[in-house]
Amino acid sequence: MSYSRLGVYGGTFNPLHIGHLIIAQEFYEQCGLDRVLLMPSARPPHKAPDGIAPPEDRYRMALAAVTHDNRFEVSDLEIRRPGLSYTIETLEALRETYGPGCRLFFAIGMDSLVDMGTWRDPDRVFGLATIVAVARPGVDIRLAPTPWRDRVITLQTPEVDISSTDIRRRVAEGRSIRYLVPESVERYIREHRLYTA
């Protein structure tokens, strides 16, 4: 399928929760996108592997969460690719798949923008996609490196204090995660016994 404006929203999604979906919806609407690709990372280079569910489970949870919403699609691109999940490689692969007529928008957290200097080939990342920084409480865009901070779109979203870390802790403690994740994700976690102590 061809798109003129394609959003890419990557993350560990360990698990995907309501906060992620709110960001995806705001990304879609505020940037006037044709579709948002949710991109679970297989092996994120900036995160320790401890406590991360297998990539296939995180992919299936994301798929279950958005299967009936045609604004969103889940990509297994990073899961299929061996090695660490570098953004530059993902964007290059998407550019090849969707062609030069498709404008790519890549959503990152404001905290990631501040750390952009540690990314692989950040100038090329900016050359391949319009970077959309999701506002984070307590993170000031002025902390981001000067070459990049003036080239981003800032995405304002409702503040929803839900974290994957807290969800995993609740599951391990046998507590409810209802209303924190879609029902389909809650069911998947329960049926596959993810995050249990």
N, C-alpha and C. Protein backbone atom coordinates (compact mmCIF):
# COMPACT_ATOMS: atom_id res chain seq x y z
N MET A 1 0.84 -1.19 0.00
CA MET A 1 0.00 0.00 0.00
C MET A 1 0.88 1.25 0.00
N SER A 2 0.44 2.28 -0.68
CA SER A 2 1.23 3.51 -0.73
C SER A 2 0.61 4.58 0.17
N TYR A 3 1.47 5.36 0.79
CA TYR A 3 1.04 6.45 1.66
C TYR A 3 1.82 7.69 1.28
N SER A 4 1.20 8.87 1.47
CA SER A 4 1.95 10.09 1.27
C SER A 4 2.55 10.60 2.57
N ARG A 5 1.91 10.25 3.72
CA ARG A 5 2.39 10.68 5.03
C ARG A 5 2.26 9.50 5.99
N LEU A 6 3.41 8.90 6.30
CA LEU A 6 3.43 7.70 7.14
C LEU A 6 4.15 7.98 8.45
N GLY A 7 3.46 7.71 9.56
CA GLY A 7 4.07 7.88 10.87
C GLY A 7 4.70 6.58 11.34
N VAL A 8 5.83 6.69 12.02
CA VAL A 8 6.51 5.53 12.59
C VAL A 8 6.68 5.78 14.08
N TYR A 9 6.12 4.91 14.88
CA TYR A 9 6.17 5.05 16.33
C TYR A 9 6.79 3.78 16.90
N GLY A 10 8.07 3.86 17.22
CA GLY A 10 8.78 2.71 17.73
C GLY A 10 8.87 2.71 19.24
N GLY A 11 9.13 1.55 19.79
CA GLY A 11 9.30 1.45 21.23
C GLY A 11 9.44 0.00 21.65
N THR A 12 9.79 -0.18 22.90
CA THR A 12 9.89 -1.54 23.42
C THR A 12 8.50 -2.14 23.55
N PHE A 13 7.51 -1.33 23.94
CA PHE A 13 6.13 -1.78 24.11
C PHE A 13 6.09 -3.05 24.96
N ASN A 14 6.56 -2.90 26.19
CA ASN A 14 6.79 -4.05 27.07
C ASN A 14 6.00 -3.94 28.38
N PRO A 15 4.65 -3.99 28.34
CA PRO A 15 3.78 -4.17 27.17
C PRO A 15 3.27 -2.83 26.64
N LEU A 16 2.62 -2.87 25.47
CA LEU A 16 1.93 -1.71 24.94
C LEU A 16 0.75 -1.40 25.86
N HIS A 17 0.57 -0.11 26.21
CA HIS A 17 -0.51 0.25 27.12
C HIS A 17 -1.31 1.43 26.57
N ILE A 18 -2.31 1.85 27.34
CA ILE A 18 -3.22 2.91 26.91
C ILE A 18 -2.46 4.21 26.61
N GLY A 19 -1.44 4.52 27.39
CA GLY A 19 -0.64 5.72 27.14
C GLY A 19 0.00 5.71 25.77
N HIS A 20 0.51 4.56 25.34
CA HIS A 20 1.09 4.44 24.00
C HIS A 20 0.04 4.73 22.93
N LEU A 21 -1.16 4.21 23.14
CA LEU A 21 -2.21 4.38 22.13
C LEU A 21 -2.69 5.82 22.06
N ILE A 22 -2.70 6.51 23.18
CA ILE A 22 -3.07 7.93 23.18
C ILE A 22 -2.04 8.72 22.37
N ILE A 23 -0.75 8.42 22.59
CA ILE A 23 0.30 9.09 21.81
C ILE A 23 0.14 8.78 20.33
N ALA A 24 -0.12 7.51 19.99
CA ALA A 24 -0.28 7.12 18.59
C ALA A 24 -1.45 7.88 17.95
N GLN A 25 -2.53 8.03 18.69
CA GLN A 25 -3.69 8.74 18.17
C GLN A 25 -3.39 10.23 17.95
N GLU A 26 -2.71 10.86 18.91
CA GLU A 26 -2.35 12.27 18.77
C GLU A 26 -1.36 12.47 17.62
N PHE A 27 -0.43 11.55 17.48
CA PHE A 27 0.55 11.56 16.38
C PHE A 27 -0.20 11.54 15.05
N TYR A 28 -1.14 10.62 14.93
CA TYR A 28 -1.94 10.48 13.71
C TYR A 28 -2.70 11.76 13.39
N GLU A 29 -3.36 12.32 14.40
CA GLU A 29 -4.22 13.48 14.16
C GLU A 29 -3.42 14.78 13.98
N GLN A 30 -2.47 15.04 14.86
CA GLN A 30 -1.76 16.32 14.81
C GLN A 30 -0.85 16.43 13.60
N CYS A 31 -0.36 15.31 13.09
CA CYS A 31 0.54 15.36 11.93
C CYS A 31 -0.18 15.05 10.61
N GLY A 32 -1.48 14.82 10.68
CA GLY A 32 -2.26 14.57 9.46
C GLY A 32 -1.76 13.36 8.69
N LEU A 33 -1.57 12.23 9.40
CA LEU A 33 -0.97 11.05 8.79
C LEU A 33 -2.00 10.15 8.12
N ASP A 34 -1.54 9.39 7.14
CA ASP A 34 -2.39 8.38 6.50
C ASP A 34 -2.46 7.12 7.35
N ARG A 35 -1.38 6.81 8.05
CA ARG A 35 -1.29 5.60 8.87
C ARG A 35 -0.14 5.77 9.85
N VAL A 36 -0.26 5.13 11.01
CA VAL A 36 0.85 5.07 11.96
C VAL A 36 1.31 3.62 12.06
N LEU A 37 2.59 3.41 11.83
CA LEU A 37 3.21 2.09 12.01
C LEU A 37 3.73 2.00 13.44
N LEU A 38 3.19 1.07 14.21
CA LEU A 38 3.75 0.79 15.53
C LEU A 38 4.88 -0.22 15.32
N MET A 39 6.05 0.09 15.84
CA MET A 39 7.25 -0.68 15.53
C MET A 39 7.91 -1.20 16.81
N PRO A 40 7.49 -2.39 17.29
CA PRO A 40 8.18 -2.95 18.46
C PRO A 40 9.65 -3.24 18.13
N SER A 41 10.53 -2.79 19.00
CA SER A 41 11.96 -3.03 18.75
C SER A 41 12.33 -4.41 19.27
N ALA A 42 13.21 -5.07 18.55
CA ALA A 42 13.62 -6.41 18.96
C ALA A 42 14.65 -6.33 20.07
N ARG A 43 15.72 -5.59 19.81
CA ARG A 43 16.81 -5.47 20.77
C ARG A 43 17.24 -4.01 20.83
N PRO A 44 16.53 -3.21 21.63
CA PRO A 44 16.86 -1.78 21.67
C PRO A 44 18.26 -1.54 22.23
N PRO A 45 19.09 -0.74 21.53
CA PRO A 45 20.47 -0.54 21.97
C PRO A 45 20.60 0.27 23.25
N HIS A 46 19.55 1.02 23.65
CA HIS A 46 19.63 1.88 24.83
C HIS A 46 18.99 1.27 26.06
N LYS A 47 18.54 0.00 25.98
CA LYS A 47 17.87 -0.61 27.13
C LYS A 47 18.49 -1.97 27.44
N ALA A 48 18.59 -2.24 28.75
CA ALA A 48 19.08 -3.54 29.19
C ALA A 48 18.00 -4.59 28.90
N PRO A 49 18.41 -5.83 28.55
CA PRO A 49 17.43 -6.84 28.16
C PRO A 49 16.62 -7.42 29.32
N ASP A 50 17.02 -7.15 30.57
CA ASP A 50 16.33 -7.73 31.72
C ASP A 50 14.86 -7.31 31.74
N GLY A 51 13.99 -8.28 31.91
CA GLY A 51 12.57 -7.99 32.07
C GLY A 51 11.83 -7.69 30.78
N ILE A 52 12.50 -7.78 29.64
CA ILE A 52 11.84 -7.52 28.36
C ILE A 52 11.27 -8.83 27.82
N ALA A 53 9.97 -8.84 27.57
CA ALA A 53 9.33 -10.03 27.00
C ALA A 53 9.90 -10.29 25.61
N PRO A 54 9.83 -11.53 25.14
CA PRO A 54 10.34 -11.85 23.81
C PRO A 54 9.71 -10.94 22.74
N PRO A 55 10.49 -10.58 21.73
CA PRO A 55 9.97 -9.67 20.68
C PRO A 55 8.66 -10.14 20.06
N GLU A 56 8.53 -11.45 19.85
CA GLU A 56 7.31 -11.96 19.21
C GLU A 56 6.08 -11.71 20.08
N ASP A 57 6.24 -11.82 21.40
CA ASP A 57 5.12 -11.55 22.31
C ASP A 57 4.76 -10.07 22.29
N ARG A 58 5.75 -9.21 22.28
CA ARG A 58 5.47 -7.78 22.27
C ARG A 58 4.82 -7.37 20.94
N TYR A 59 5.24 -7.99 19.86
CA TYR A 59 4.61 -7.76 18.56
C TYR A 59 3.14 -8.20 18.58
N ARG A 60 2.87 -9.39 19.11
CA ARG A 60 1.50 -9.91 19.12
C ARG A 60 0.59 -9.10 20.04
N MET A 61 1.15 -8.59 21.15
CA MET A 61 0.34 -7.74 22.02
C MET A 61 -0.05 -6.45 21.31
N ALA A 62 0.91 -5.84 20.61
CA ALA A 62 0.62 -4.61 19.86
C ALA A 62 -0.42 -4.89 18.78
N LEU A 63 -0.27 -6.02 18.10
CA LEU A 63 -1.22 -6.39 17.06
C LEU A 63 -2.62 -6.56 17.64
N ALA A 64 -2.71 -7.23 18.78
CA ALA A 64 -4.00 -7.45 19.43
C ALA A 64 -4.64 -6.12 19.83
N ALA A 65 -3.82 -5.16 20.22
CA ALA A 65 -4.33 -3.87 20.70
C ALA A 65 -4.98 -3.04 19.60
N VAL A 66 -4.49 -3.15 18.37
CA VAL A 66 -4.96 -2.23 17.31
C VAL A 66 -5.60 -2.94 16.12
N THR A 67 -5.88 -4.21 16.27
CA THR A 67 -6.33 -4.99 15.13
C THR A 67 -7.61 -4.46 14.48
N HIS A 68 -8.45 -3.74 15.23
CA HIS A 68 -9.70 -3.23 14.68
C HIS A 68 -9.65 -1.72 14.41
N ASP A 69 -8.47 -1.14 14.42
CA ASP A 69 -8.34 0.31 14.20
C ASP A 69 -7.48 0.53 12.95
N ASN A 70 -8.12 0.93 11.85
CA ASN A 70 -7.39 1.01 10.58
C ASN A 70 -6.48 2.23 10.48
N ARG A 71 -6.39 3.04 11.52
CA ARG A 71 -5.40 4.13 11.54
C ARG A 71 -4.01 3.59 11.84
N PHE A 72 -3.97 2.41 12.46
CA PHE A 72 -2.71 1.86 12.95
C PHE A 72 -2.39 0.52 12.31
N GLU A 73 -1.10 0.27 12.24
CA GLU A 73 -0.59 -1.00 11.70
C GLU A 73 0.62 -1.36 12.54
N VAL A 74 0.88 -2.64 12.71
CA VAL A 74 2.04 -3.07 13.50
C VAL A 74 3.05 -3.70 12.56
N SER A 75 4.29 -3.27 12.67
CA SER A 75 5.35 -3.78 11.80
C SER A 75 6.30 -4.68 12.58
N ASP A 76 6.70 -5.78 11.95
CA ASP A 76 7.69 -6.67 12.57
C ASP A 76 9.08 -6.48 11.94
N LEU A 77 9.26 -5.35 11.26
CA LEU A 77 10.52 -5.07 10.56
C LEU A 77 11.74 -5.23 11.47
N GLU A 78 11.71 -4.61 12.64
CA GLU A 78 12.87 -4.68 13.52
C GLU A 78 13.02 -6.05 14.15
N ILE A 79 11.91 -6.73 14.35
CA ILE A 79 11.97 -8.08 14.94
C ILE A 79 12.61 -9.07 13.97
N ARG A 80 12.32 -8.91 12.67
CA ARG A 80 12.88 -9.82 11.66
C ARG A 80 14.36 -9.56 11.39
N ARG A 81 14.81 -8.33 11.64
CA ARG A 81 16.19 -7.98 11.33
C ARG A 81 17.11 -8.43 12.46
N PRO A 82 18.22 -9.10 12.15
CA PRO A 82 19.13 -9.53 13.21
C PRO A 82 19.90 -8.36 13.81
N GLY A 83 20.41 -8.56 15.01
CA GLY A 83 21.22 -7.53 15.66
C GLY A 83 20.38 -6.52 16.41
N LEU A 84 21.05 -5.45 16.86
CA LEU A 84 20.36 -4.40 17.60
C LEU A 84 19.44 -3.60 16.67
N SER A 85 18.43 -2.96 17.27
CA SER A 85 17.44 -2.20 16.49
C SER A 85 17.86 -0.74 16.40
N TYR A 86 18.53 -0.38 15.31
CA TYR A 86 18.95 1.01 15.11
C TYR A 86 17.94 1.74 14.23
N THR A 87 17.55 2.92 14.66
CA THR A 87 16.56 3.72 13.94
C THR A 87 16.97 3.99 12.50
N ILE A 88 18.24 4.29 12.28
CA ILE A 88 18.70 4.63 10.94
C ILE A 88 18.43 3.48 9.96
N GLU A 89 18.65 2.25 10.41
CA GLU A 89 18.43 1.09 9.54
C GLU A 89 16.94 0.89 9.27
N THR A 90 16.13 1.15 10.28
CA THR A 90 14.68 1.04 10.11
C THR A 90 14.17 2.06 9.10
N LEU A 91 14.61 3.30 9.24
CA LEU A 91 14.14 4.35 8.32
C LEU A 91 14.63 4.10 6.90
N GLU A 92 15.86 3.60 6.75
CA GLU A 92 16.36 3.29 5.41
C GLU A 92 15.52 2.19 4.77
N ALA A 93 15.15 1.18 5.56
CA ALA A 93 14.34 0.08 5.04
C ALA A 93 12.93 0.58 4.65
N LEU A 94 12.37 1.45 5.47
CA LEU A 94 11.05 2.00 5.17
C LEU A 94 11.09 2.90 3.93
N ARG A 95 12.15 3.68 3.78
CA ARG A 95 12.30 4.52 2.59
C ARG A 95 12.34 3.65 1.34
N GLU A 96 13.04 2.53 1.41
CA GLU A 96 13.13 1.63 0.26
C GLU A 96 11.76 0.99 -0.03
N THR A 97 11.04 0.64 1.02
CA THR A 97 9.73 -0.01 0.85
C THR A 97 8.69 0.93 0.28
N TYR A 98 8.61 2.15 0.83
CA TYR A 98 7.51 3.06 0.48
C TYR A 98 7.88 4.10 -0.58
N GLY A 99 9.16 4.22 -0.90
CA GLY A 99 9.58 5.08 -2.00
C GLY A 99 9.68 6.55 -1.63
N PRO A 100 10.22 7.35 -2.55
CA PRO A 100 10.48 8.76 -2.28
C PRO A 100 9.21 9.61 -2.17
N GLY A 101 8.08 9.11 -2.66
CA GLY A 101 6.84 9.88 -2.59
C GLY A 101 6.17 9.84 -1.23
N CYS A 102 6.70 9.03 -0.33
CA CYS A 102 6.13 8.89 1.01
C CYS A 102 6.96 9.69 2.00
N ARG A 103 6.34 10.65 2.66
CA ARG A 103 7.04 11.43 3.69
C ARG A 103 6.93 10.68 5.01
N LEU A 104 8.07 10.39 5.62
CA LEU A 104 8.12 9.66 6.87
C LEU A 104 8.15 10.62 8.06
N PHE A 105 7.36 10.32 9.07
CA PHE A 105 7.38 11.04 10.34
C PHE A 105 7.77 10.04 11.42
N PHE A 106 8.76 10.39 12.22
CA PHE A 106 9.25 9.46 13.23
C PHE A 106 9.05 10.05 14.62
N ALA A 107 8.26 9.37 15.45
CA ALA A 107 7.96 9.87 16.79
C ALA A 107 8.97 9.33 17.80
N ILE A 108 9.50 10.25 18.62
CA ILE A 108 10.39 9.86 19.72
C ILE A 108 9.99 10.66 20.96
N GLY A 109 10.39 10.18 22.11
CA GLY A 109 10.17 10.93 23.34
C GLY A 109 11.13 12.10 23.41
N MET A 110 10.71 13.16 24.08
CA MET A 110 11.59 14.33 24.24
C MET A 110 12.90 13.94 24.90
N ASP A 111 12.86 12.96 25.81
CA ASP A 111 14.08 12.49 26.47
C ASP A 111 15.04 11.87 25.46
N SER A 112 14.50 11.19 24.45
CA SER A 112 15.35 10.61 23.39
C SER A 112 15.97 11.70 22.53
N LEU A 113 15.21 12.76 22.28
CA LEU A 113 15.75 13.88 21.51
C LEU A 113 16.94 14.50 22.24
N VAL A 114 16.84 14.61 23.54
CA VAL A 114 17.94 15.16 24.35
C VAL A 114 19.18 14.29 24.21
N ASP A 115 18.99 12.97 24.07
CA ASP A 115 20.11 12.02 23.94
C ASP A 115 20.47 11.72 22.49
N MET A 116 19.96 12.49 21.54
CA MET A 116 20.12 12.20 20.12
C MET A 116 21.59 12.06 19.72
N GLY A 117 22.47 12.73 20.39
CA GLY A 117 23.89 12.65 20.07
C GLY A 117 24.49 11.26 20.25
N THR A 118 23.81 10.40 21.02
CA THR A 118 24.31 9.03 21.24
C THR A 118 23.77 8.05 20.20
N TRP A 119 22.86 8.52 19.33
CA TRP A 119 22.26 7.65 18.32
C TRP A 119 23.23 7.41 17.17
N ARG A 120 23.01 6.35 16.44
CA ARG A 120 23.80 6.08 15.24
C ARG A 120 23.34 7.01 14.11
N ASP A 121 24.29 7.79 13.58
CA ASP A 121 24.07 8.67 12.43
C ASP A 121 22.82 9.55 12.56
N PRO A 122 22.74 10.38 13.61
CA PRO A 122 21.54 11.19 13.82
C PRO A 122 21.24 12.16 12.69
N ASP A 123 22.27 12.71 12.01
CA ASP A 123 22.00 13.63 10.90
C ASP A 123 21.26 12.92 9.78
N ARG A 124 21.63 11.69 9.52
CA ARG A 124 20.95 10.90 8.49
C ARG A 124 19.51 10.58 8.91
N VAL A 125 19.29 10.33 10.21
CA VAL A 125 17.94 10.10 10.72
C VAL A 125 17.06 11.30 10.38
N PHE A 126 17.59 12.51 10.64
CA PHE A 126 16.84 13.73 10.33
C PHE A 126 16.65 13.93 8.84
N GLY A 127 17.58 13.40 8.04
CA GLY A 127 17.45 13.51 6.60
C GLY A 127 16.38 12.60 6.02
N LEU A 128 16.13 11.49 6.70
CA LEU A 128 15.17 10.51 6.19
C LEU A 128 13.74 10.75 6.68
N ALA A 129 13.59 11.41 7.82
CA ALA A 129 12.26 11.56 8.40
C ALA A 129 12.10 12.90 9.10
N THR A 130 10.86 13.34 9.18
CA THR A 130 10.52 14.48 10.03
C THR A 130 10.41 13.94 11.45
N ILE A 131 11.19 14.49 12.36
CA ILE A 131 11.20 13.98 13.73
C ILE A 131 10.12 14.70 14.53
N VAL A 132 9.32 13.91 15.21
CA VAL A 132 8.22 14.41 16.04
C VAL A 132 8.53 14.04 17.48
N ALA A 133 8.80 15.04 18.31
CA ALA A 133 9.18 14.79 19.70
C ALA A 133 7.96 14.89 20.60
N VAL A 134 7.72 13.81 21.34
CA VAL A 134 6.58 13.77 22.26
C VAL A 134 6.99 14.43 23.57
N ALA A 135 6.25 15.48 23.95
CA ALA A 135 6.56 16.20 25.18
C ALA A 135 6.56 15.25 26.37
N ARG A 136 7.54 15.41 27.27
CA ARG A 136 7.63 14.61 28.48
C ARG A 136 7.68 15.55 29.68
N PRO A 137 6.93 15.26 30.74
CA PRO A 137 6.99 16.11 31.92
C PRO A 137 8.42 16.24 32.45
N GLY A 138 8.85 17.46 32.68
CA GLY A 138 10.16 17.68 33.26
C GLY A 138 11.32 17.63 32.28
N VAL A 139 11.05 17.39 30.98
CA VAL A 139 12.12 17.36 29.98
C VAL A 139 11.98 18.59 29.10
N ASP A 140 12.98 19.44 29.11
CA ASP A 140 12.96 20.71 28.39
C ASP A 140 13.64 20.53 27.03
N ILE A 141 12.95 20.93 25.96
CA ILE A 141 13.53 20.79 24.61
C ILE A 141 14.84 21.56 24.48
N ARG A 142 15.02 22.59 25.32
CA ARG A 142 16.26 23.36 25.24
C ARG A 142 17.49 22.55 25.65
N LEU A 143 17.26 21.39 26.26
CA LEU A 143 18.37 20.51 26.62
C LEU A 143 18.86 19.69 25.43
N ALA A 144 18.06 19.67 24.37
CA ALA A 144 18.44 18.91 23.17
C ALA A 144 19.55 19.63 22.42
N PRO A 145 20.41 18.88 21.72
CA PRO A 145 21.49 19.50 20.96
C PRO A 145 20.95 20.49 19.92
N THR A 146 21.62 21.63 19.81
CA THR A 146 21.19 22.72 18.93
C THR A 146 20.97 22.29 17.48
N PRO A 147 21.84 21.45 16.89
CA PRO A 147 21.62 21.14 15.47
C PRO A 147 20.25 20.51 15.19
N TRP A 148 19.66 19.88 16.19
CA TRP A 148 18.44 19.12 15.93
C TRP A 148 17.19 19.72 16.55
N ARG A 149 17.30 20.42 17.65
CA ARG A 149 16.09 20.82 18.37
C ARG A 149 15.21 21.77 17.58
N ASP A 150 15.79 22.54 16.65
CA ASP A 150 14.99 23.46 15.85
C ASP A 150 14.35 22.80 14.64
N ARG A 151 14.62 21.50 14.46
CA ARG A 151 14.12 20.81 13.27
C ARG A 151 13.02 19.80 13.60
N VAL A 152 12.48 19.87 14.82
CA VAL A 152 11.48 18.88 15.21
C VAL A 152 10.10 19.51 15.33
N ILE A 153 9.09 18.68 15.20
CA ILE A 153 7.72 19.04 15.54
C ILE A 153 7.50 18.53 16.96
N THR A 154 6.95 19.38 17.82
CA THR A 154 6.65 18.94 19.18
C THR A 154 5.21 18.48 19.26
N LEU A 155 5.03 17.29 19.78
CA LEU A 155 3.69 16.70 19.90
C LEU A 155 3.21 16.85 21.34
N GLN A 156 2.13 17.56 21.51
CA GLN A 156 1.52 17.71 22.83
C GLN A 156 0.46 16.62 23.00
N THR A 157 0.54 15.89 24.09
CA THR A 157 -0.43 14.82 24.34
C THR A 157 -0.96 14.95 25.77
N PRO A 158 -2.15 14.41 26.03
CA PRO A 158 -2.64 14.40 27.41
C PRO A 158 -1.65 13.64 28.30
N GLU A 159 -1.41 14.16 29.49
CA GLU A 159 -0.49 13.47 30.40
C GLU A 159 -1.21 12.30 31.06
N VAL A 160 -0.75 11.11 30.76
CA VAL A 160 -1.31 9.90 31.34
C VAL A 160 -0.17 9.17 32.02
N ASP A 161 -0.24 9.09 33.33
CA ASP A 161 0.87 8.52 34.10
C ASP A 161 0.75 6.99 34.19
N ILE A 162 0.99 6.35 33.05
CA ILE A 162 0.99 4.88 33.00
C ILE A 162 2.37 4.46 32.50
N SER A 163 2.96 3.48 33.17
CA SER A 163 4.27 3.01 32.70
C SER A 163 4.26 1.49 32.56
N SER A 164 5.01 1.02 31.58
CA SER A 164 5.14 -0.42 31.38
C SER A 164 5.78 -1.07 32.60
N THR A 165 6.71 -0.36 33.23
CA THR A 165 7.38 -0.89 34.43
C THR A 165 6.36 -1.18 35.53
N ASP A 166 5.45 -0.23 35.75
CA ASP A 166 4.42 -0.41 36.77
C ASP A 166 3.48 -1.55 36.40
N ILE A 167 3.14 -1.66 35.13
CA ILE A 167 2.26 -2.76 34.69
C ILE A 167 2.91 -4.10 34.95
N ARG A 168 4.19 -4.22 34.61
CA ARG A 168 4.90 -5.50 34.85
C ARG A 168 4.94 -5.82 36.35
N ARG A 169 5.15 -4.79 37.16
CA ARG A 169 5.20 -4.99 38.62
C ARG A 169 3.84 -5.48 39.13
N ARG A 170 2.78 -4.85 38.63
CA ARG A 170 1.44 -5.25 39.04
C ARG A 170 1.16 -6.70 38.67
N VAL A 171 1.54 -7.10 37.47
CA VAL A 171 1.33 -8.49 37.05
C VAL A 171 2.10 -9.43 37.97
N ALA A 172 3.35 -9.11 38.24
CA ALA A 172 4.18 -9.96 39.11
C ALA A 172 3.59 -10.08 40.51
N GLU A 173 2.91 -9.02 40.97
CA GLU A 173 2.31 -9.02 42.31
C GLU A 173 0.89 -9.58 42.32
N GLY A 174 0.39 -9.98 41.16
CA GLY A 174 -0.95 -10.53 41.07
C GLY A 174 -2.05 -9.49 41.15
N ARG A 175 -1.72 -8.23 40.85
CA ARG A 175 -2.69 -7.13 40.89
C ARG A 175 -3.31 -6.90 39.52
N SER A 176 -4.41 -6.20 39.47
CA SER A 176 -5.13 -5.95 38.22
C SER A 176 -4.41 -4.91 37.37
N ILE A 177 -4.45 -5.12 36.05
CA ILE A 177 -3.96 -4.12 35.09
C ILE A 177 -5.11 -3.66 34.19
N ARG A 178 -6.31 -3.95 34.60
CA ARG A 178 -7.48 -3.53 33.83
C ARG A 178 -7.50 -2.01 33.72
N TYR A 179 -7.87 -1.51 32.57
CA TYR A 179 -7.92 -0.10 32.22
C TYR A 179 -6.54 0.53 31.98
N LEU A 180 -5.48 -0.18 32.26
CA LEU A 180 -4.13 0.33 31.96
C LEU A 180 -3.68 -0.13 30.59
N VAL A 181 -4.17 -1.28 30.18
CA VAL A 181 -3.87 -1.84 28.85
C VAL A 181 -5.19 -2.23 28.19
N PRO A 182 -5.23 -2.33 26.86
CA PRO A 182 -6.44 -2.84 26.22
C PRO A 182 -6.79 -4.24 26.73
N GLU A 183 -8.06 -4.58 26.71
CA GLU A 183 -8.48 -5.91 27.20
C GLU A 183 -7.76 -7.03 26.47
N SER A 184 -7.52 -6.84 25.18
CA SER A 184 -6.85 -7.89 24.39
C SER A 184 -5.42 -8.10 24.87
N VAL A 185 -4.75 -7.03 25.30
CA VAL A 185 -3.38 -7.14 25.82
C VAL A 185 -3.39 -7.80 27.19
N GLU A 186 -4.35 -7.41 28.02
CA GLU A 186 -4.48 -8.05 29.35
C GLU A 186 -4.68 -9.55 29.20
N ARG A 187 -5.54 -9.92 28.26
CA ARG A 187 -5.82 -11.34 28.03
C ARG A 187 -4.57 -12.07 27.54
N TYR A 188 -3.82 -11.44 26.63
CA TYR A 188 -2.61 -12.07 26.11
C TYR A 188 -1.60 -12.29 27.23
N ILE A 189 -1.41 -11.29 28.06
CA ILE A 189 -0.46 -11.41 29.18
C ILE A 189 -0.85 -12.55 30.10
N ARG A 190 -2.14 -12.64 30.39
CA ARG A 190 -2.63 -13.70 31.29
C ARG A 190 -2.46 -15.06 30.65
N GLU A 191 -2.87 -15.20 29.38
CA GLU A 191 -2.83 -16.51 28.73
C GLU A 191 -1.41 -17.01 28.50
N HIS A 192 -0.46 -16.08 28.30
CA HIS A 192 0.92 -16.48 28.04
C HIS A 192 1.81 -16.34 29.26
N ARG A 193 1.20 -16.01 30.37
CA ARG A 193 1.90 -15.94 31.67
C ARG A 193 3.15 -15.05 31.59
N LEU A 194 2.99 -13.90 30.97
CA LEU A 194 4.10 -12.95 30.88
C LEU A 194 4.22 -12.18 32.18
N TYR A 195 5.43 -11.78 32.49
CA TYR A 195 5.75 -10.88 33.61
C TYR A 195 5.42 -11.45 34.99
N THR A 196 5.16 -12.74 35.06
CA THR A 196 4.90 -13.33 36.37
C THR A 196 6.21 -13.46 37.14
N ALA A 197 6.10 -13.41 38.47
CA ALA A 197 7.31 -13.45 39.30
C ALA A 197 7.99 -14.81 39.19
